[in-house]
Amino acid sequence: MKSNILLFVFLLFLQIFVLNKILFFDYIILSPIIIFLILYKYKKDSKESLLIAFSLGLFVDIFNNSLGTYSVTCLILMYFRNLWVLKVIGEEKTEELNLLSVQEIGNFQFLYYSFPILLLFFSLLSFFESQYPISKENILFVMLSSIINYILMLIFQYLFLKSNFKNEWR
């Protein structure tokens, strides 16, 4: 529990003070707060997850002076995620999962669960921040940022989260 809180604070610090100021190759933004939003435990009809997403986005907005962009994006994303997780994973399995990680649900199902959420997150950011939301540059931004953030999310999970496959071969 203590390590998860420290990891959350580290991801938030990384988002606010380091990665939100950097644009890689003119098209890629690394956003570690999406890792927390995607991996967060699902609870049926939970207003807690929406409140956490809004407050996390508001916290990022305060430090970045972005006029509510991240708070609205995180809130819409968490609402979509709560609906999407039931379609992809199913209600029975989500109740017994602690985290919605790649170790818990498998590689293919995690890709099918998380990649549309990443696309939605960066599409909303592009829509709110850009003067021309539907352009070649914005579509390239959404696709490249989603792919790179998915890879970053996989690396993060394999490095920092515990695997539950210890006794799989016995």
C-alpha atoms as a PDB file:
ATOM      1  CA  MET A   1       0.000   0.000   0.000  1.00  0.00           C
ATOM      2  CA  LYS A   2       2.767   2.402   0.953  1.00  0.00           C
ATOM      3  CA  SER A   3       4.718   1.622  -2.216  1.00  0.00           C
ATOM      4  CA  ASN A   4       1.594   2.223  -4.352  1.00  0.00           C
ATOM      5  CA  ILE A   5       1.114   5.659  -2.805  1.00  0.00           C
ATOM      6  CA  LEU A   6       4.767   6.527  -3.409  1.00  0.00           C
ATOM      7  CA  LEU A   7       4.453   5.296  -6.990  1.00  0.00           C
ATOM      8  CA  PHE A   8       1.345   7.444  -7.495  1.00  0.00           C
ATOM      9  CA  VAL A   9       3.094  10.534  -6.091  1.00  0.00           C
ATOM     10  CA  PHE A  10       6.103   9.832  -8.320  1.00  0.00           C
ATOM     11  CA  LEU A  11       3.896   9.521 -11.437  1.00  0.00           C
ATOM     12  CA  LEU A  12       2.061  12.724 -10.562  1.00  0.00           C
ATOM     13  CA  PHE A  13       5.345  14.576  -9.984  1.00  0.00           C
ATOM     14  CA  LEU A  14       6.696  13.248 -13.278  1.00  0.00           C
ATOM     15  CA  GLN A  15       3.554  14.389 -15.120  1.00  0.00           C
ATOM     16  CA  ILE A  16       3.410  17.870 -13.627  1.00  0.00           C
ATOM     17  CA  PHE A  17       7.018  18.964 -13.456  1.00  0.00           C
ATOM     18  CA  VAL A  18       8.850  17.008 -16.148  1.00  0.00           C
ATOM     19  CA  LEU A  19       6.888  15.324 -18.925  1.00  0.00           C
ATOM     20  CA  ASN A  20       4.112  17.853 -19.437  1.00  0.00           C
ATOM     21  CA  LYS A  21       6.661  20.430 -20.532  1.00  0.00           C
ATOM     22  CA  ILE A  22       8.270  18.180 -23.160  1.00  0.00           C
ATOM     23  CA  LEU A  23       6.979  17.416 -26.653  1.00  0.00           C
ATOM     24  CA  PHE A  24       8.937  14.558 -28.230  1.00  0.00           C
ATOM     25  CA  PHE A  25       9.450  14.720 -32.013  1.00  0.00           C
ATOM     26  CA  ASP A  26       6.724  17.394 -32.256  1.00  0.00           C
ATOM     27  CA  TYR A  27       3.996  14.745 -31.946  1.00  0.00           C
ATOM     28  CA  ILE A  28       4.431  12.702 -28.757  1.00  0.00           C
ATOM     29  CA  ILE A  29       3.435  13.547 -25.194  1.00  0.00           C
ATOM     30  CA  LEU A  30       4.198  11.099 -22.404  1.00  0.00           C
ATOM     31  CA  SER A  31       1.431  11.152 -19.829  1.00  0.00           C
ATOM     32  CA  PRO A  32       2.031   8.910 -16.803  1.00  0.00           C
ATOM     33  CA  ILE A  33      -1.229   9.874 -15.066  1.00  0.00           C
ATOM     34  CA  ILE A  34      -3.096   7.751 -17.582  1.00  0.00           C
ATOM     35  CA  ILE A  35      -1.313   4.714 -16.126  1.00  0.00           C
ATOM     36  CA  PHE A  36      -3.007   5.345 -12.806  1.00  0.00           C
ATOM     37  CA  LEU A  37      -6.405   5.926 -14.400  1.00  0.00           C
ATOM     38  CA  ILE A  38      -6.272   2.738 -16.471  1.00  0.00           C
ATOM     39  CA  LEU A  39      -4.937   0.486 -13.708  1.00  0.00           C
ATOM     40  CA  TYR A  40      -7.326   1.770 -11.021  1.00  0.00           C
ATOM     41  CA  LYS A  41      -9.558  -0.923  -9.498  1.00  0.00           C
ATOM     42  CA  TYR A  42     -13.061  -1.146 -10.945  1.00  0.00           C
ATOM     43  CA  LYS A  43     -15.989  -0.865  -8.552  1.00  0.00           C
ATOM     44  CA  LYS A  44     -19.554  -1.084  -9.820  1.00  0.00           C
ATOM     45  CA  ASP A  45     -21.443   2.246  -9.727  1.00  0.00           C
ATOM     46  CA  SER A  46     -18.518   3.926  -8.006  1.00  0.00           C
ATOM     47  CA  LYS A  47     -18.521   7.680  -7.769  1.00  0.00           C
ATOM     48  CA  GLU A  48     -15.158   7.381  -6.044  1.00  0.00           C
ATOM     49  CA  SER A  49     -13.337   6.658  -9.304  1.00  0.00           C
ATOM     50  CA  LEU A  50     -14.947   9.677 -10.986  1.00  0.00           C
ATOM     51  CA  LEU A  51     -14.019  11.891  -8.043  1.00  0.00           C
ATOM     52  CA  ILE A  52     -10.430  10.636  -8.068  1.00  0.00           C
ATOM     53  CA  ALA A  53     -10.135  11.186 -11.824  1.00  0.00           C
ATOM     54  CA  PHE A  54     -11.533  14.705 -11.575  1.00  0.00           C
ATOM     55  CA  SER A  55      -9.299  15.660  -8.641  1.00  0.00           C
ATOM     56  CA  LEU A  56      -6.238  14.190 -10.356  1.00  0.00           C
ATOM     57  CA  GLY A  57      -6.991  16.165 -13.511  1.00  0.00           C
ATOM     58  CA  LEU A  58      -7.688  19.300 -11.483  1.00  0.00           C
ATOM     59  CA  PHE A  59      -4.364  18.914  -9.688  1.00  0.00           C
ATOM     60  CA  VAL A  60      -2.546  18.700 -13.033  1.00  0.00           C
ATOM     61  CA  ASP A  61      -4.560  21.684 -14.325  1.00  0.00           C
ATOM     62  CA  ILE A  62      -3.597  23.830 -11.345  1.00  0.00           C
ATOM     63  CA  PHE A  63       0.114  23.300 -11.891  1.00  0.00           C
ATOM     64  CA  ASN A  64      -0.042  23.601 -15.689  1.00  0.00           C
ATOM     65  CA  ASN A  65      -2.472  26.516 -15.898  1.00  0.00           C
ATOM     66  CA  SER A  66      -4.546  24.621 -18.462  1.00  0.00           C
ATOM     67  CA  LEU A  67      -8.068  25.868 -17.597  1.00  0.00           C
ATOM     68  CA  GLY A  68      -9.704  22.522 -16.809  1.00  0.00           C
ATOM     69  CA  THR A  69      -8.491  20.564 -19.820  1.00  0.00           C
ATOM     70  CA  TYR A  70      -7.080  17.652 -17.837  1.00  0.00           C
ATOM     71  CA  SER A  71      -9.900  17.555 -15.284  1.00  0.00           C
ATOM     72  CA  VAL A  72     -12.588  17.261 -17.978  1.00  0.00           C
ATOM     73  CA  THR A  73     -10.494  14.801 -19.981  1.00  0.00           C
ATOM     74  CA  CYS A  74      -9.810  12.578 -16.961  1.00  0.00           C
ATOM     75  CA  LEU A  75     -13.460  12.678 -15.903  1.00  0.00           C
ATOM     76  CA  ILE A  76     -14.744  11.677 -19.361  1.00  0.00           C
ATOM     77  CA  LEU A  77     -12.030   9.039 -19.608  1.00  0.00           C
ATOM     78  CA  MET A  78     -12.923   7.446 -16.265  1.00  0.00           C
ATOM     79  CA  TYR A  79     -16.624   7.417 -17.157  1.00  0.00           C
ATOM     80  CA  PHE A  80     -15.830   5.675 -20.457  1.00  0.00           C
ATOM     81  CA  ARG A  81     -13.416   3.296 -18.707  1.00  0.00           C
ATOM     82  CA  ASN A  82     -16.076   2.204 -16.215  1.00  0.00           C
ATOM     83  CA  LEU A  83     -18.385   1.281 -19.100  1.00  0.00           C
ATOM     84  CA  TRP A  84     -15.639  -0.202 -21.285  1.00  0.00           C
ATOM     85  CA  VAL A  85     -14.198  -2.514 -18.625  1.00  0.00           C
ATOM     86  CA  LEU A  86     -17.526  -4.336 -18.348  1.00  0.00           C
ATOM     87  CA  LYS A  87     -17.653  -4.899 -22.111  1.00  0.00           C
ATOM     88  CA  VAL A  88     -14.079  -6.150 -22.380  1.00  0.00           C
ATOM     89  CA  ILE A  89     -13.459  -8.083 -19.179  1.00  0.00           C
ATOM     90  CA  GLY A  90     -16.918  -8.823 -17.813  1.00  0.00           C
ATOM     91  CA  GLU A  91     -18.516  -8.018 -14.490  1.00  0.00           C
ATOM     92  CA  GLU A  92     -17.668 -11.305 -12.743  1.00  0.00           C
ATOM     93  CA  LYS A  93     -13.952 -11.108 -13.428  1.00  0.00           C
ATOM     94  CA  THR A  94     -13.601  -7.396 -12.635  1.00  0.00           C
ATOM     95  CA  GLU A  95     -14.984  -7.881  -9.129  1.00  0.00           C
ATOM     96  CA  GLU A  96     -12.204 -10.297  -8.220  1.00  0.00           C
ATOM     97  CA  LEU A  97      -9.353  -8.276  -9.754  1.00  0.00           C
ATOM     98  CA  ASN A  98      -7.299  -5.949  -7.589  1.00  0.00           C
ATOM     99  CA  LEU A  99      -5.674  -4.062 -10.476  1.00  0.00           C
ATOM    100  CA  LEU A 100      -6.600  -4.057 -14.143  1.00  0.00           C
ATOM    101  CA  SER A 101      -3.008  -4.796 -15.145  1.00  0.00           C
ATOM    102  CA  VAL A 102      -1.454  -6.876 -17.890  1.00  0.00           C
ATOM    103  CA  GLN A 103      -0.417  -9.488 -15.298  1.00  0.00           C
ATOM    104  CA  GLU A 104      -4.017  -9.849 -14.113  1.00  0.00           C
ATOM    105  CA  ILE A 105      -5.953  -9.939 -17.390  1.00  0.00           C
ATOM    106  CA  GLY A 106      -3.379 -11.018 -19.997  1.00  0.00           C
ATOM    107  CA  ASN A 107      -1.597  -9.279 -22.867  1.00  0.00           C
ATOM    108  CA  PHE A 108      -4.271  -9.351 -25.573  1.00  0.00           C
ATOM    109  CA  GLN A 109      -7.148  -8.451 -23.281  1.00  0.00           C
ATOM    110  CA  PHE A 110      -5.113  -5.619 -21.758  1.00  0.00           C
ATOM    111  CA  LEU A 111      -4.376  -4.243 -25.243  1.00  0.00           C
ATOM    112  CA  TYR A 112      -8.069  -4.473 -26.142  1.00  0.00           C
ATOM    113  CA  TYR A 113      -8.995  -2.799 -22.837  1.00  0.00           C
ATOM    114  CA  SER A 114      -6.396  -0.019 -22.618  1.00  0.00           C
ATOM    115  CA  PHE A 115      -5.652   1.112 -26.169  1.00  0.00           C
ATOM    116  CA  PRO A 116      -9.124   2.588 -26.890  1.00  0.00           C
ATOM    117  CA  ILE A 117      -8.875   4.429 -23.571  1.00  0.00           C
ATOM    118  CA  LEU A 118      -5.510   5.853 -24.604  1.00  0.00           C
ATOM    119  CA  LEU A 119      -6.930   6.890 -27.974  1.00  0.00           C
ATOM    120  CA  LEU A 120      -9.841   8.606 -26.248  1.00  0.00           C
ATOM    121  CA  PHE A 121      -7.545  10.408 -23.795  1.00  0.00           C
ATOM    122  CA  PHE A 122      -5.282  11.874 -26.455  1.00  0.00           C
ATOM    123  CA  SER A 123      -8.210  12.601 -28.794  1.00  0.00           C
ATOM    124  CA  LEU A 124      -9.889  14.625 -26.063  1.00  0.00           C
ATOM    125  CA  LEU A 125      -6.655  16.450 -25.243  1.00  0.00           C
ATOM    126  CA  SER A 126      -6.189  17.232 -28.913  1.00  0.00           C
ATOM    127  CA  PHE A 127      -9.798  18.375 -29.237  1.00  0.00           C
ATOM    128  CA  PHE A 128      -9.607  20.691 -26.217  1.00  0.00           C
ATOM    129  CA  GLU A 129      -6.147  22.131 -26.858  1.00  0.00           C
ATOM    130  CA  SER A 130      -5.986  22.440 -30.637  1.00  0.00           C
ATOM    131  CA  GLN A 131      -7.425  25.098 -32.864  1.00  0.00           C
ATOM    132  CA  TYR A 132      -8.109  22.495 -35.578  1.00  0.00           C
ATOM    133  CA  PRO A 133      -8.964  19.207 -33.813  1.00  0.00           C
ATOM    134  CA  ILE A 134      -9.339  17.154 -36.998  1.00  0.00           C
ATOM    135  CA  SER A 135      -6.145  17.571 -38.936  1.00  0.00           C
ATOM    136  CA  LYS A 136      -3.325  15.352 -40.116  1.00  0.00           C
ATOM    137  CA  GLU A 137      -1.017  16.601 -37.357  1.00  0.00           C
ATOM    138  CA  ASN A 138      -3.562  15.928 -34.624  1.00  0.00           C
ATOM    139  CA  ILE A 139      -4.341  12.440 -35.889  1.00  0.00           C
ATOM    140  CA  LEU A 140      -0.624  11.701 -35.978  1.00  0.00           C
ATOM    141  CA  PHE A 141      -0.291  13.145 -32.459  1.00  0.00           C
ATOM    142  CA  VAL A 142      -3.118  10.948 -31.141  1.00  0.00           C
ATOM    143  CA  MET A 143      -1.803   7.754 -32.761  1.00  0.00           C
ATOM    144  CA  LEU A 144       1.872   8.203 -31.850  1.00  0.00           C
ATOM    145  CA  SER A 145       1.173   9.364 -28.302  1.00  0.00           C
ATOM    146  CA  SER A 146      -1.183   6.429 -27.748  1.00  0.00           C
ATOM    147  CA  ILE A 147       1.317   3.875 -29.033  1.00  0.00           C
ATOM    148  CA  ILE A 148       4.248   5.281 -27.060  1.00  0.00           C
ATOM    149  CA  ASN A 149       2.187   5.600 -23.881  1.00  0.00           C
ATOM    150  CA  TYR A 150       0.973   2.015 -24.254  1.00  0.00           C
ATOM    151  CA  ILE A 151       4.582   0.843 -24.482  1.00  0.00           C
ATOM    152  CA  LEU A 152       5.483   3.009 -21.481  1.00  0.00           C
ATOM    153  CA  MET A 153       2.556   1.507 -19.568  1.00  0.00           C
ATOM    154  CA  LEU A 154       3.713  -2.046 -20.308  1.00  0.00           C
ATOM    155  CA  ILE A 155       7.279  -1.256 -19.250  1.00  0.00           C
ATOM    156  CA  PHE A 156       6.000   0.375 -16.067  1.00  0.00           C
ATOM    157  CA  GLN A 157       3.866  -2.640 -15.186  1.00  0.00           C
ATOM    158  CA  TYR A 158       6.606  -5.178 -15.778  1.00  0.00           C
ATOM    159  CA  LEU A 159       9.103  -3.136 -13.743  1.00  0.00           C
ATOM    160  CA  PHE A 160       7.029  -1.938 -10.797  1.00  0.00           C
ATOM    161  CA  LEU A 161       3.995  -4.181 -10.353  1.00  0.00           C
ATOM    162  CA  LYS A 162       4.132  -7.633  -8.821  1.00  0.00           C
ATOM    163  CA  SER A 163       3.383 -10.590 -11.040  1.00  0.00           C
ATOM    164  CA  ASN A 164       0.812 -13.178  -9.969  1.00  0.00           C
ATOM    165  CA  PHE A 165       2.297 -15.918 -12.154  1.00  0.00           C
ATOM    166  CA  LYS A 166       4.639 -17.394  -9.518  1.00  0.00           C
ATOM    167  CA  ASN A 167       2.954 -20.790  -9.320  1.00  0.00           C
ATOM    168  CA  GLU A 168       1.740 -21.051 -12.886  1.00  0.00           C
ATOM    169  CA  TRP A 169       4.106 -23.882 -13.894  1.00  0.00           C
ATOM    170  CA  ARG A 170       3.459 -26.083 -10.853  1.00  0.00           C
END
